[in-house]
Amino acid sequence: MRRVLVVLTGGTIAGAMRDGKDTAPDTGASERLERLLEEFFDDRGLQVATAVPWGVPGLDSSDLNPQHWIRLTRIIIEELQKGDLQGIIVLHGTDTMAFTAAWLSLVLEGIPLPVVLTGSQLTLDYTPEDVQVNLRGAAQVVCAGYPGVWVYFNWKLIPGKRAHKARAIHPDAFTAVNGLPVFFSPEWGREAPKILLPELHWRPPQHLQNLLRKKETAETISTLARQLRWYLCMPGCAPHFTGEEKALVLLGFGAGNAPSEILQALVSRFENEPMKPMVIACSQAEGDTKNPQAYKGVGIASLAKKGFFVWGQGDASLEFVHALLWYAFLAAPDSPASILGHYLKGYAPGNP
């Protein structure tokens, strides 16, 4: 009998209302989720193996960080090595689900079986609830054998690297950034699909193997959190650069532009520093491919002429850029560009 790994991390899907006012992870809700999945997969001849990486009932996803991502990755790799998995379901809070999905898309690139993240905006004790729609949909995806990392939500299957939470409370929470979701109709879910058995000829990439050999501590994550910084460009506001930055994401406008005074302030702050931070040029405009050298004077790629190595967001989601930044500096701290360059376009120092 093949197994399905179900990872319970917490979130609203494992939550319940408290005093009719707010929602928090709940032990009873987690147990109900396990029973629902066990019944579903038992009818299809699949055995459920449950993992609870941070205990029952888990955590609100707002509190998850890269240290939790690494722990989750270790659990998945260990289970994959047993060789009898049909697929993986990660039950997760919606607030940071897209970030975890982006991370898993990086570390599990090329995986030959389904890894499906799902959750809910409403709890099981709410009427109507969206828990069972998403839970059973994710389970159907696993049975159908669609390989890769996905987010399943509200009848839509979205590639993990393109998922973005666009609505705060509405059950149709996620959109696909610069891509299209796969829509599943109710008829698709009426009958149990034929179980497709994935071929498990997959090995973790060398960068990931190097990362998992290390013992990343909260102190390591805390140090990197001060060195990998995001700055939001807003009219009339200027960020403060500490000088500790190893990588700096400028979240600008349009094609990847920023106020010229911010670019000048960055050049001035690091003018005499022996090592300048890498700059990731991103945009608040969600759609299309970004081109941070398209506009003279305000294009963030112009920093390359001032000695900075600049990377462009391209058509990636902001969640993917964030996960990629952490992966590059955790897995290859001496050569993060070797990972960044695999996914993003670079503008080398001195490049006009």
Protein backbone atom coordinates (compact mmCIF):
# COMPACT_ATOMS: atom_id res chain seq x y z
CA MET A 1 0.00 0.00 0.00
CA ARG A 2 1.35 3.40 -0.99
CA ARG A 3 1.34 6.28 1.47
CA VAL A 4 0.26 9.91 1.37
CA LEU A 5 2.21 12.21 3.65
CA VAL A 6 -0.01 14.83 5.31
CA VAL A 7 1.85 17.62 7.07
CA LEU A 8 -0.23 19.54 9.60
CA THR A 9 1.33 22.95 10.17
CA GLY A 10 -1.66 24.81 11.65
CA GLY A 11 -3.47 27.78 10.15
CA THR A 12 -7.17 28.51 9.80
CA ILE A 13 -7.87 25.11 8.27
CA ALA A 14 -6.83 23.59 11.61
CA GLY A 15 -8.54 26.34 13.59
CA ALA A 16 -11.74 27.02 15.46
CA MET A 17 -13.58 30.10 16.65
CA ARG A 18 -12.78 31.22 20.19
CA ASP A 19 -15.64 32.88 22.07
CA GLY A 20 -17.22 33.72 18.73
CA LYS A 21 -14.64 36.46 18.16
CA ASP A 22 -11.38 35.19 16.69
CA THR A 23 -9.79 32.10 15.19
CA ALA A 24 -6.80 30.10 16.41
CA PRO A 25 -5.32 26.64 15.71
CA ASP A 26 -7.32 24.01 17.59
CA THR A 27 -6.46 20.43 18.55
CA GLY A 28 -9.99 19.16 17.91
CA ALA A 29 -10.04 20.67 14.41
CA SER A 30 -6.68 19.04 13.59
CA GLU A 31 -8.02 15.64 14.62
CA ARG A 32 -11.11 16.12 12.42
CA LEU A 33 -8.88 16.95 9.45
CA GLU A 34 -6.91 13.74 9.95
CA ARG A 35 -10.10 11.67 10.05
CA LEU A 36 -11.48 13.30 6.89
CA LEU A 37 -8.29 12.56 4.96
CA GLU A 38 -7.97 9.03 6.31
CA GLU A 39 -11.53 8.26 5.15
CA PHE A 40 -10.92 9.79 1.72
CA PHE A 41 -7.66 7.95 1.03
CA ASP A 42 -8.76 4.66 2.62
CA ASP A 43 -11.47 4.45 -0.06
CA ARG A 44 -8.70 4.71 -2.67
CA GLY A 45 -6.34 2.19 -1.12
CA LEU A 46 -3.86 4.75 0.18
CA GLN A 47 -2.49 4.99 3.69
CA VAL A 48 -2.11 8.35 5.45
CA ALA A 49 1.11 9.16 7.29
CA THR A 50 0.86 12.30 9.41
CA ALA A 51 3.65 14.70 10.37
CA VAL A 52 3.24 17.54 12.86
CA PRO A 53 6.51 19.49 12.61
CA TRP A 54 5.63 22.02 15.32
CA GLY A 55 3.11 20.03 17.29
CA VAL A 56 -0.67 19.95 17.41
CA PRO A 57 -2.56 22.17 16.67
CA GLY A 58 0.35 23.94 14.94
CA LEU A 59 1.05 27.63 14.35
CA ASP A 60 -0.55 30.57 12.66
CA SER A 61 1.32 30.89 9.37
CA SER A 62 2.14 34.53 10.14
CA ASP A 63 4.71 33.16 12.61
CA LEU A 64 6.46 30.85 10.13
CA ASN A 65 9.93 31.80 8.88
CA PRO A 66 12.80 30.18 6.91
CA GLN A 67 13.75 28.03 9.88
CA HIS A 68 10.31 26.40 9.65
CA TRP A 69 10.75 26.00 5.87
CA ILE A 70 13.98 24.06 6.44
CA ARG A 71 12.33 21.81 9.04
CA LEU A 72 9.46 21.11 6.64
CA THR A 73 11.93 20.32 3.84
CA ARG A 74 13.80 17.83 6.02
CA ILE A 75 10.58 16.00 6.85
CA ILE A 76 9.58 15.75 3.18
CA ILE A 77 13.03 14.56 2.05
CA GLU A 78 13.14 11.91 4.80
CA GLU A 79 9.73 10.59 3.75
CA LEU A 80 10.63 10.65 0.06
CA GLN A 81 13.65 8.48 0.75
CA LYS A 82 11.38 5.68 1.99
CA GLY A 83 10.23 5.29 -1.62
CA ASP A 84 6.53 4.49 -1.18
CA LEU A 85 4.89 7.91 -1.39
CA GLN A 86 2.01 8.69 -3.74
CA GLY A 87 2.07 12.37 -2.85
CA ILE A 88 2.24 15.01 -0.14
CA ILE A 89 -0.37 17.40 1.25
CA VAL A 90 0.73 20.35 3.37
CA LEU A 91 -2.09 21.92 5.39
CA HIS A 92 -1.07 25.52 5.91
CA GLY A 93 -2.33 28.95 6.89
CA THR A 94 -3.12 31.25 3.98
CA ASP A 95 -1.11 34.31 5.07
CA THR A 96 2.28 32.83 4.14
CA MET A 97 1.21 29.80 2.11
CA ALA A 98 2.52 31.35 -1.12
CA PHE A 99 5.95 31.91 0.48
CA THR A 100 6.19 28.27 1.64
CA ALA A 101 4.97 27.09 -1.77
CA ALA A 102 7.65 29.18 -3.49
CA TRP A 103 10.33 27.75 -1.19
CA LEU A 104 9.21 24.16 -1.82
CA SER A 105 9.12 24.86 -5.57
CA LEU A 106 12.82 25.70 -5.34
CA VAL A 107 14.03 22.90 -3.11
CA LEU A 108 11.81 20.21 -4.70
CA GLU A 109 12.33 21.29 -8.30
CA GLY A 110 11.71 18.36 -10.64
CA ILE A 111 9.99 16.20 -8.03
CA PRO A 112 8.01 13.45 -9.82
CA LEU A 113 5.01 13.35 -7.48
CA PRO A 114 2.41 15.91 -6.29
CA VAL A 115 3.15 18.23 -3.38
CA VAL A 116 -0.05 20.18 -2.71
CA LEU A 117 -0.44 23.02 -0.23
CA THR A 118 -3.95 23.92 0.84
CA GLY A 119 -5.78 25.61 3.66
CA SER A 120 -8.95 27.59 4.20
CA GLN A 121 -10.22 31.08 4.85
CA LEU A 122 -13.02 29.78 7.10
CA THR A 123 -12.98 27.14 9.82
CA LEU A 124 -14.84 23.83 9.96
CA ASP A 125 -17.23 25.27 12.57
CA TYR A 126 -18.23 28.12 10.22
CA THR A 127 -21.22 27.92 7.86
CA PRO A 128 -20.52 27.77 5.00
CA GLU A 129 -16.97 26.47 5.30
CA ASP A 130 -14.38 26.01 2.57
CA VAL A 131 -12.28 23.42 4.41
CA GLN A 132 -13.71 20.31 2.79
CA VAL A 133 -13.75 21.76 -0.74
CA ASN A 134 -10.02 22.49 -0.55
CA LEU A 135 -9.15 19.37 1.41
CA ARG A 136 -10.85 16.97 -0.99
CA GLY A 137 -9.61 18.89 -4.02
CA ALA A 138 -6.01 18.64 -2.85
CA ALA A 139 -6.52 14.94 -2.18
CA GLN A 140 -7.86 14.42 -5.72
CA VAL A 141 -4.77 16.11 -7.15
CA VAL A 142 -2.58 13.68 -5.21
CA CYS A 143 -4.56 10.70 -6.50
CA ALA A 144 -4.33 12.00 -10.07
CA GLY A 145 -0.55 12.12 -9.79
CA TYR A 146 0.11 15.68 -11.04
CA PRO A 147 3.85 16.12 -10.33
CA GLY A 148 5.32 19.29 -8.87
CA VAL A 149 4.52 21.78 -6.12
CA TRP A 150 1.02 23.28 -6.20
CA VAL A 151 -1.43 25.40 -4.25
CA TYR A 152 -5.00 24.11 -4.42
CA PHE A 153 -7.70 26.57 -3.45
CA ASN A 154 -11.34 27.14 -4.41
CA TRP A 155 -11.35 24.69 -7.35
CA LYS A 156 -8.10 26.12 -8.73
CA LEU A 157 -4.72 24.45 -8.98
CA ILE A 158 -1.91 27.03 -9.07
CA PRO A 159 1.82 26.38 -9.60
CA GLY A 160 3.53 26.90 -6.26
CA LYS A 161 6.06 29.35 -7.69
CA ARG A 162 3.27 31.62 -9.02
CA ALA A 163 0.78 31.62 -6.14
CA HIS A 164 -0.15 34.94 -4.56
CA LYS A 165 -2.72 35.66 -1.86
CA ALA A 166 -4.95 38.37 -3.33
CA ARG A 167 -7.93 38.35 -0.95
CA ALA A 168 -7.85 38.62 2.82
CA ILE A 169 -11.00 36.67 3.74
CA HIS A 170 -12.85 35.60 0.56
CA PRO A 171 -12.68 31.83 -0.15
CA ASP A 172 -11.25 32.57 -3.62
CA ALA A 173 -8.02 33.73 -2.00
CA PHE A 174 -5.22 32.97 -4.47
CA THR A 175 -4.28 34.11 -7.95
CA ALA A 176 -1.55 32.96 -10.32
CA VAL A 177 1.04 35.68 -10.95
CA ASN A 178 1.85 35.90 -14.68
CA GLY A 179 0.24 32.55 -15.29
CA LEU A 180 -3.08 30.73 -15.33
CA PRO A 181 -4.45 28.28 -12.78
CA VAL A 182 -5.81 24.90 -13.76
CA PHE A 183 -9.57 25.02 -13.12
CA PHE A 184 -11.26 21.87 -11.90
CA SER A 185 -15.00 21.50 -12.43
CA PRO A 186 -17.32 19.77 -9.94
CA GLU A 187 -17.74 16.92 -12.44
CA TRP A 188 -14.00 16.27 -12.26
CA GLY A 189 -14.35 15.49 -8.57
CA ARG A 190 -17.42 13.26 -8.71
CA GLU A 191 -15.52 10.05 -9.39
CA ALA A 192 -12.29 8.84 -7.94
CA PRO A 193 -9.54 9.27 -10.55
CA LYS A 194 -7.33 6.39 -11.46
CA ILE A 195 -4.33 6.29 -9.16
CA LEU A 196 -1.21 7.17 -11.12
CA LEU A 197 1.94 5.76 -9.58
CA PRO A 198 4.84 8.23 -9.79
CA GLU A 199 8.34 7.09 -10.60
CA LEU A 200 10.52 8.22 -7.72
CA HIS A 201 13.83 8.69 -9.57
CA TRP A 202 14.66 12.01 -7.96
CA ARG A 203 17.49 13.26 -5.83
CA PRO A 204 17.69 16.54 -3.94
CA PRO A 205 19.90 19.06 -5.79
CA GLN A 206 23.42 19.47 -4.42
CA HIS A 207 22.70 22.93 -2.98
CA LEU A 208 19.80 21.47 -0.99
CA GLN A 209 21.90 18.54 0.22
CA ASN A 210 24.49 21.01 1.47
CA LEU A 211 21.81 23.01 3.26
CA LEU A 212 20.23 20.01 4.96
CA ARG A 213 23.61 18.84 6.27
CA LYS A 214 23.90 22.07 8.25
CA LYS A 215 22.20 22.79 11.53
CA GLU A 216 20.58 26.13 10.92
CA THR A 217 19.78 27.85 14.20
CA ALA A 218 17.44 30.66 15.16
CA GLU A 219 20.55 32.82 15.55
CA THR A 220 21.61 32.11 11.94
CA ILE A 221 18.14 33.03 10.68
CA SER A 222 18.10 36.16 12.84
CA THR A 223 21.47 37.30 11.49
CA LEU A 224 20.40 36.79 7.88
CA ALA A 225 17.14 38.61 8.59
CA ARG A 226 19.20 41.74 9.27
CA GLN A 227 21.27 41.22 6.12
CA LEU A 228 18.52 40.35 3.60
CA ARG A 229 16.33 43.44 3.59
CA TRP A 230 13.25 44.62 1.74
CA TYR A 231 12.56 48.32 1.17
CA LEU A 232 9.21 49.58 -0.09
CA CYS A 233 9.47 52.66 -2.29
CA MET A 234 6.69 55.16 -1.70
CA PRO A 235 6.45 58.75 -2.99
CA GLY A 236 8.07 61.13 -0.53
CA CYS A 237 9.56 58.39 1.69
CA ALA A 238 13.23 57.41 1.85
CA PRO A 239 14.49 54.18 3.47
CA HIS A 240 17.30 53.95 5.99
CA PHE A 241 20.20 51.73 4.96
CA THR A 242 22.07 50.20 7.90
CA GLY A 243 25.22 49.11 6.08
CA GLU A 244 24.70 45.47 7.20
CA GLU A 245 22.83 44.52 4.05
CA LYS A 246 24.18 41.61 1.99
CA ALA A 247 21.18 41.72 -0.31
CA LEU A 248 18.65 44.48 -0.70
CA VAL A 249 15.29 44.14 -2.43
CA LEU A 250 13.99 47.47 -3.72
CA LEU A 251 10.25 47.14 -4.24
CA GLY A 252 9.70 49.95 -6.68
CA PHE A 253 7.23 50.88 -9.39
CA GLY A 254 6.26 49.86 -12.92
CA ALA A 255 9.06 48.09 -14.76
CA GLY A 256 11.29 48.15 -11.68
CA ASN A 257 11.87 51.84 -11.07
CA ALA A 258 12.62 53.75 -7.87
CA PRO A 259 12.85 57.44 -6.97
CA SER A 260 16.25 58.72 -8.05
CA GLU A 261 16.88 60.10 -4.55
CA ILE A 262 16.62 56.58 -3.12
CA LEU A 263 19.07 55.23 -5.68
CA GLN A 264 21.45 58.10 -4.93
CA ALA A 265 21.12 57.51 -1.17
CA LEU A 266 22.02 53.85 -1.68
CA VAL A 267 25.08 54.74 -3.77
CA SER A 268 26.19 57.29 -1.19
CA ARG A 269 25.77 54.89 1.77
CA PHE A 270 27.89 52.13 0.23
CA GLU A 271 30.32 54.30 -1.77
CA ASN A 272 33.27 53.55 0.52
CA GLU A 273 32.26 50.03 1.52
CA PRO A 274 34.52 47.22 0.22
CA MET A 275 31.50 44.98 -0.37
CA LYS A 276 28.29 46.32 -1.81
CA PRO A 277 25.01 44.44 -1.30
CA MET A 278 23.34 42.63 -4.15
CA VAL A 279 20.25 44.55 -5.26
CA ILE A 280 17.08 42.81 -6.39
CA ALA A 281 14.91 45.10 -8.51
CA CYS A 282 11.23 44.34 -7.94
CA SER A 283 7.96 46.08 -8.72
CA GLN A 284 4.66 46.70 -6.99
CA ALA A 285 3.03 46.05 -10.39
CA GLU A 286 2.09 42.38 -10.20
CA GLY A 287 1.71 41.61 -13.89
CA ASP A 288 4.07 41.30 -16.85
CA THR A 289 7.83 40.89 -17.11
CA LYS A 290 9.74 43.67 -15.35
CA ASN A 291 12.61 45.51 -17.04
CA PRO A 292 14.50 47.59 -14.44
CA GLN A 293 16.76 49.19 -17.06
CA ALA A 294 13.94 50.52 -19.24
CA TYR A 295 13.86 54.05 -17.81
CA LYS A 296 16.86 56.34 -17.54
CA GLY A 297 17.64 57.75 -14.12
CA VAL A 298 15.00 55.80 -12.20
CA GLY A 299 15.53 52.22 -13.43
CA ILE A 300 17.01 50.21 -10.56
CA ALA A 301 19.35 48.37 -12.95
CA SER A 302 21.25 51.67 -13.32
CA LEU A 303 22.90 50.81 -9.98
CA ALA A 304 25.09 48.36 -11.92
CA LYS A 305 26.98 51.37 -13.30
CA LYS A 306 27.76 52.31 -9.68
CA GLY A 307 29.36 48.98 -8.81
CA PHE A 308 26.31 47.04 -7.56
CA PHE A 309 25.31 43.62 -8.83
CA VAL A 310 21.62 43.96 -9.71
CA TRP A 311 19.09 41.21 -10.35
CA GLY A 312 15.73 41.74 -12.03
CA GLN A 313 12.45 40.23 -10.84
CA GLY A 314 11.40 39.25 -14.37
CA ASP A 315 7.93 37.69 -14.24
CA ALA A 316 8.41 35.94 -10.89
CA SER A 317 6.11 36.60 -7.94
CA LEU A 318 7.39 38.59 -4.98
CA GLU A 319 6.89 35.50 -2.81
CA PHE A 320 9.15 33.51 -5.12
CA VAL A 321 11.84 36.24 -5.07
CA HIS A 322 11.79 36.26 -1.28
CA ALA A 323 12.05 32.47 -0.99
CA LEU A 324 14.79 32.42 -3.64
CA LEU A 325 16.81 35.04 -1.77
CA TRP A 326 16.76 33.00 1.42
CA TYR A 327 17.53 29.76 -0.42
CA ALA A 328 20.51 31.32 -2.20
CA PHE A 329 22.08 32.66 0.99
CA LEU A 330 21.30 29.59 3.11
CA ALA A 331 22.30 26.93 0.59
CA ALA A 332 25.25 28.76 -1.03
CA PRO A 333 26.39 31.48 1.39
CA ASP A 334 29.74 31.87 -0.40
CA SER A 335 28.23 32.03 -3.89
CA PRO A 336 24.53 33.00 -3.74
CA ALA A 337 24.78 34.31 -7.31
CA SER A 338 25.13 30.72 -8.52
CA ILE A 339 21.53 30.10 -7.44
CA LEU A 340 20.10 33.55 -8.17
CA GLY A 341 21.45 33.44 -11.71
CA HIS A 342 19.54 30.25 -12.42
CA TYR A 343 16.21 32.05 -11.99
CA LEU A 344 16.75 35.81 -12.39
CA LYS A 345 18.40 38.06 -14.97
CA GLY A 346 21.55 39.72 -13.67
CA TYR A 347 23.12 43.11 -14.41
CA ALA A 348 26.81 42.88 -13.57
CA PRO A 349 28.76 45.81 -12.05
CA GLY A 350 29.83 48.18 -14.80
CA ASN A 351 26.97 47.10 -17.06
CA PRO A 352 25.53 50.25 -18.73
